[in-house]
Amino acid sequence: MTIAEKITELRERVGENRKEFSIRTGIPVRTLEDWEAGRRTLPEYIPRLIAYQLEYEELVKKSKKG
């Protein structure tokens, strides 16, 4: 799986379009589009940071319910 595919997979896992994912992560929509299309190369650690953010948000959400 390429880095671009990882970004797309992370976005799709939370069921958001690019605009929603942009708002959630603070990454500009155009940047997400370029990453997913492979027009721009992003550092390998970016998908990991996004995954950590999404996991953290899920943990916070669960702790508030319980």
C-alpha atoms as a PDB file:
ATOM      1  CA  MET A   1       0.000   0.000   0.000  1.00  0.00           C
ATOM      2  CA  THR A   2       1.379   3.380  -0.986  1.00  0.00           C
ATOM      3  CA  ILE A   3       1.398   6.359   1.346  1.00  0.00           C
ATOM      4  CA  ALA A   4      -1.294   7.975  -0.814  1.00  0.00           C
ATOM      5  CA  GLU A   5      -3.466   4.880  -0.425  1.00  0.00           C
ATOM      6  CA  LYS A   6      -2.953   4.966   3.352  1.00  0.00           C
ATOM      7  CA  ILE A   7      -4.285   8.531   3.519  1.00  0.00           C
ATOM      8  CA  THR A   8      -7.326   7.557   1.460  1.00  0.00           C
ATOM      9  CA  GLU A   9      -7.912   4.471   3.618  1.00  0.00           C
ATOM     10  CA  LEU A  10      -7.747   6.515   6.833  1.00  0.00           C
ATOM     11  CA  ARG A  11     -10.241   9.035   5.472  1.00  0.00           C
ATOM     12  CA  GLU A  12     -12.606   6.362   4.250  1.00  0.00           C
ATOM     13  CA  ARG A  13     -12.342   4.439   7.529  1.00  0.00           C
ATOM     14  CA  VAL A  14     -13.983   7.341   9.355  1.00  0.00           C
ATOM     15  CA  GLY A  15     -16.513   7.758   6.544  1.00  0.00           C
ATOM     16  CA  GLU A  16     -15.682  11.343   5.660  1.00  0.00           C
ATOM     17  CA  ASN A  17     -15.258  13.176   2.391  1.00  0.00           C
ATOM     18  CA  ARG A  18     -12.138  15.258   1.819  1.00  0.00           C
ATOM     19  CA  LYS A  19     -13.684  18.485   3.123  1.00  0.00           C
ATOM     20  CA  GLU A  20     -14.852  16.851   6.358  1.00  0.00           C
ATOM     21  CA  PHE A  21     -11.496  15.123   6.818  1.00  0.00           C
ATOM     22  CA  SER A  22      -9.741  18.415   6.149  1.00  0.00           C
ATOM     23  CA  ILE A  23     -11.682  20.117   8.914  1.00  0.00           C
ATOM     24  CA  ARG A  24     -11.082  17.215  11.294  1.00  0.00           C
ATOM     25  CA  THR A  25      -7.310  17.041  10.712  1.00  0.00           C
ATOM     26  CA  GLY A  26      -6.496  20.652   9.857  1.00  0.00           C
ATOM     27  CA  ILE A  27      -4.983  19.624   6.523  1.00  0.00           C
ATOM     28  CA  PRO A  28      -6.072  21.774   3.564  1.00  0.00           C
ATOM     29  CA  VAL A  29      -8.438  20.058   1.114  1.00  0.00           C
ATOM     30  CA  ARG A  30      -6.127  20.740  -1.814  1.00  0.00           C
ATOM     31  CA  THR A  31      -3.249  19.071   0.032  1.00  0.00           C
ATOM     32  CA  LEU A  32      -5.382  15.990   0.724  1.00  0.00           C
ATOM     33  CA  GLU A  33      -6.395  15.872  -2.937  1.00  0.00           C
ATOM     34  CA  ASP A  34      -2.778  16.086  -4.057  1.00  0.00           C
ATOM     35  CA  TRP A  35      -1.659  13.419  -1.577  1.00  0.00           C
ATOM     36  CA  GLU A  36      -4.418  11.000  -2.526  1.00  0.00           C
ATOM     37  CA  ALA A  37      -3.781  11.513  -6.246  1.00  0.00           C
ATOM     38  CA  GLY A  38      -0.035  11.025  -5.754  1.00  0.00           C
ATOM     39  CA  ARG A  39       0.776  14.488  -7.103  1.00  0.00           C
ATOM     40  CA  ARG A  40       2.614  15.433  -3.921  1.00  0.00           C
ATOM     41  CA  THR A  41       4.856  13.254  -1.827  1.00  0.00           C
ATOM     42  CA  LEU A  42       4.283  13.390   1.879  1.00  0.00           C
ATOM     43  CA  PRO A  43       6.598  12.209   4.643  1.00  0.00           C
ATOM     44  CA  GLU A  44       6.006   8.619   5.761  1.00  0.00           C
ATOM     45  CA  TYR A  45       5.164   9.672   9.310  1.00  0.00           C
ATOM     46  CA  ILE A  46       2.107  11.737   8.309  1.00  0.00           C
ATOM     47  CA  PRO A  47      -0.285   8.769   7.919  1.00  0.00           C
ATOM     48  CA  ARG A  48       0.879   7.462  11.320  1.00  0.00           C
ATOM     49  CA  LEU A  49       0.196  10.820  12.954  1.00  0.00           C
ATOM     50  CA  ILE A  50      -3.260  10.976  11.395  1.00  0.00           C
ATOM     51  CA  ALA A  51      -3.977   7.403  12.546  1.00  0.00           C
ATOM     52  CA  TYR A  52      -2.889   8.325  16.097  1.00  0.00           C
ATOM     53  CA  GLN A  53      -5.155  11.374  16.024  1.00  0.00           C
ATOM     54  CA  LEU A  54      -8.140   9.301  14.896  1.00  0.00           C
ATOM     55  CA  GLU A  55      -7.473   6.630  17.533  1.00  0.00           C
ATOM     56  CA  TYR A  56      -7.125   9.289  20.234  1.00  0.00           C
ATOM     57  CA  GLU A  57     -10.418  10.909  19.219  1.00  0.00           C
ATOM     58  CA  GLU A  58     -12.135   7.508  19.364  1.00  0.00           C
ATOM     59  CA  LEU A  59     -10.722   6.808  22.836  1.00  0.00           C
ATOM     60  CA  VAL A  60     -11.879  10.192  24.106  1.00  0.00           C
ATOM     61  CA  LYS A  61     -15.326   9.605  22.635  1.00  0.00           C
ATOM     62  CA  LYS A  62     -15.564   6.180  24.348  1.00  0.00           C
ATOM     63  CA  SER A  63     -14.380   7.527  27.704  1.00  0.00           C
ATOM     64  CA  LYS A  64     -17.049  10.240  27.640  1.00  0.00           C
ATOM     65  CA  LYS A  65     -19.758   7.634  27.021  1.00  0.00           C
ATOM     66  CA  GLY A  66     -18.608   5.382  29.848  1.00  0.00           C
END
